[in-house]
Amino acid sequence: MTEILAKGAQAPDFTLHVTPDQTLSLSEFSGRRVVLAFYPADWSPVCGDQMSLYNHILPEFRRYGAELLGISVDGAWCHQAFARDRKLHFALLSDFEPKGAVAKSYSAYRETEGVAERALFVIDEKGIIAWSYRSPIAVNPGADGILDALEGLPATENKDGDAQGSRNIA
């Protein structure tokens, strides 16, 4: 098993479909924090629970100035149906063709099964991986590691001049 990209590595840029006719690139988030959540498949029970958990605590991620992007090898139509069914409020990106190319660039692809690893990356404002974690594929990694990583990043100011990056925001 190869190691996923580690803390300190430059996050590879990518452009993936977010809908059948729209794409989204990591570089569009330059200057902002991003959480990448690679997961194996939309409709698997563990993935459904993981993405629903992240949807539930999405305001907490955003309080730290972070945007969440889910990535799997499922197609854009599949992502739309899954997001609608689970009422998700964050982008699901399709690493469909060439299959798993972005997951491979993060060393988060399972060749034998043809799916993404269950891998998490917190990327800072400069595009550097601040934290990464690969969970066993059958285990929901939860959000504590993500929140701890976001909390460990230096505080920034948002557009309103308010500090972000600390749980003790007044």
Foldseek 3Di string as FASTA:
>chain_A
DDDFDFFFAFQDWDWFDLAPPDIDIPCVLAQFKEKEWFAFDLPDPLNLVLQLLCQVCVVLCVLLRYAYEYEKQDDRVRVVVSCVVSVHDHTYTHCNVVQCPSLVVRVQADVVVSMGFRKMFIAHNRRGTQGMDTDHNVDNPHCPVVSVSSLPDDWDADPVRFTHNHPPGD
